[in-house]
Protein backbone atom coordinates (compact mmCIF):
# COMPACT_ATOMS: atom_id res chain seq x y z
CA MET A 1 19.40 -34.27 -3.29
CA ILE A 2 19.19 -31.19 -5.58
CA GLU A 3 21.76 -28.53 -4.72
CA ASP A 4 20.86 -25.95 -7.37
CA SER A 5 19.01 -25.52 -10.64
CA TYR A 6 18.57 -22.83 -13.25
CA TYR A 7 16.80 -22.41 -16.56
CA SER A 8 17.90 -20.20 -19.44
CA ASP A 9 17.22 -20.20 -23.19
CA GLY A 10 15.54 -23.61 -23.25
CA VAL A 11 18.19 -25.32 -21.10
CA LEU A 12 17.54 -26.60 -17.56
CA ASN A 13 20.65 -27.32 -15.48
CA ILE A 14 20.27 -29.35 -12.29
CA GLU A 15 23.17 -29.70 -9.87
CA MET A 16 22.85 -32.74 -7.64
CA ILE A 17 24.71 -33.57 -4.43
CA GLY A 18 28.33 -34.42 -5.19
CA LYS A 19 28.66 -31.97 -8.10
CA MET A 20 26.80 -34.24 -10.55
CA TYR A 21 24.89 -32.37 -13.25
CA TYR A 22 21.82 -33.08 -15.33
CA VAL A 23 21.16 -30.92 -18.38
CA LEU A 24 17.81 -30.91 -20.20
CA ASN A 25 17.83 -29.06 -23.49
CA LYS A 26 14.61 -28.24 -25.35
CA GLN A 27 14.96 -28.79 -29.11
CA THR A 28 11.91 -26.88 -30.32
CA PRO A 29 12.31 -27.39 -34.10
CA ASN A 30 12.65 -31.18 -33.63
CA ARG A 31 10.01 -31.37 -30.86
CA GLN A 32 12.55 -33.18 -28.68
CA ILE A 33 14.22 -32.94 -25.30
CA TRP A 34 17.87 -33.85 -25.05
CA LEU A 35 19.12 -35.08 -21.68
CA SER A 36 22.68 -35.29 -20.44
CA SER A 37 22.82 -37.50 -17.34
CA PRO A 38 25.87 -38.20 -15.17
CA ILE A 39 24.53 -41.74 -14.75
CA SER A 40 23.07 -42.84 -18.08
CA GLY A 41 24.80 -40.40 -20.44
CA PRO A 42 23.12 -38.61 -23.35
CA SER A 43 19.54 -39.41 -24.36
CA ARG A 44 16.92 -38.00 -26.70
CA PHE A 45 13.18 -37.90 -26.00
CA GLU A 46 10.23 -37.24 -28.29
CA PHE A 47 6.77 -36.08 -27.27
CA ASP A 48 3.97 -38.66 -27.39
CA ALA A 49 0.78 -36.68 -27.82
CA SER A 50 -1.42 -39.74 -27.27
CA ASN A 51 -0.52 -39.90 -23.57
CA GLY A 52 1.21 -36.54 -23.01
CA THR A 53 4.64 -37.94 -22.10
CA TRP A 54 8.20 -37.54 -23.34
CA ASN A 55 9.59 -40.94 -24.35
CA HIS A 56 13.07 -42.12 -25.31
CA TYR A 57 13.25 -42.25 -29.11
CA ARG A 58 14.61 -45.85 -29.13
CA THR A 59 13.50 -47.58 -25.93
CA ASN A 60 10.20 -45.68 -25.44
CA GLU A 61 11.07 -45.22 -21.73
CA CYS A 62 9.31 -42.22 -20.18
CA LEU A 63 11.64 -39.31 -19.32
CA LEU A 64 10.17 -38.78 -15.85
CA LYS A 65 10.27 -42.49 -15.03
CA MET A 66 13.95 -42.56 -15.97
CA LEU A 67 14.74 -39.43 -13.91
CA ASN A 68 12.79 -40.73 -10.90
CA HIS A 69 14.73 -43.99 -11.03
CA GLU A 70 18.12 -42.30 -11.35
CA PHE A 71 17.46 -39.67 -8.68
CA ASN A 72 16.10 -42.18 -6.18
CA GLN A 73 18.67 -44.94 -6.81
CA LYS A 74 21.69 -42.64 -6.67
CA PHE A 75 20.74 -39.82 -4.32
CA ALA A 76 17.97 -40.95 -1.92
CA LYS A 77 19.44 -42.50 1.21
CA ASN A 78 16.08 -43.79 2.48
CA GLU A 79 12.37 -43.94 1.58
CA SER A 80 11.63 -40.50 3.03
CA GLU A 81 14.13 -38.85 0.64
CA LYS A 82 12.65 -40.39 -2.51
CA ILE A 83 10.94 -38.07 -4.97
CA GLU A 84 8.37 -38.60 -7.71
CA LEU A 85 8.41 -36.25 -10.66
CA LYS A 86 5.04 -35.93 -12.43
CA TYR A 87 3.64 -34.35 -15.55
CA GLU A 88 1.11 -31.61 -14.86
């Protein structure tokens, strides 16, 4: 599912199977994370201190829920390949 990943200067790049790339960019001054997804396009997430999650600034969808859905729908061929990202 994930071919490669690297982190540098607040930017996490994730290369998926098929040369599809996710980019997560930490925007420290704004307290946001910007996501570029090959499936859903660009998105912006803000931290919700009340429950410790990063939520989409318009839809309130949780960042990890969105990534889990995209990764599993597009890249998992069967149940055993599905992943579940979690906050720790």
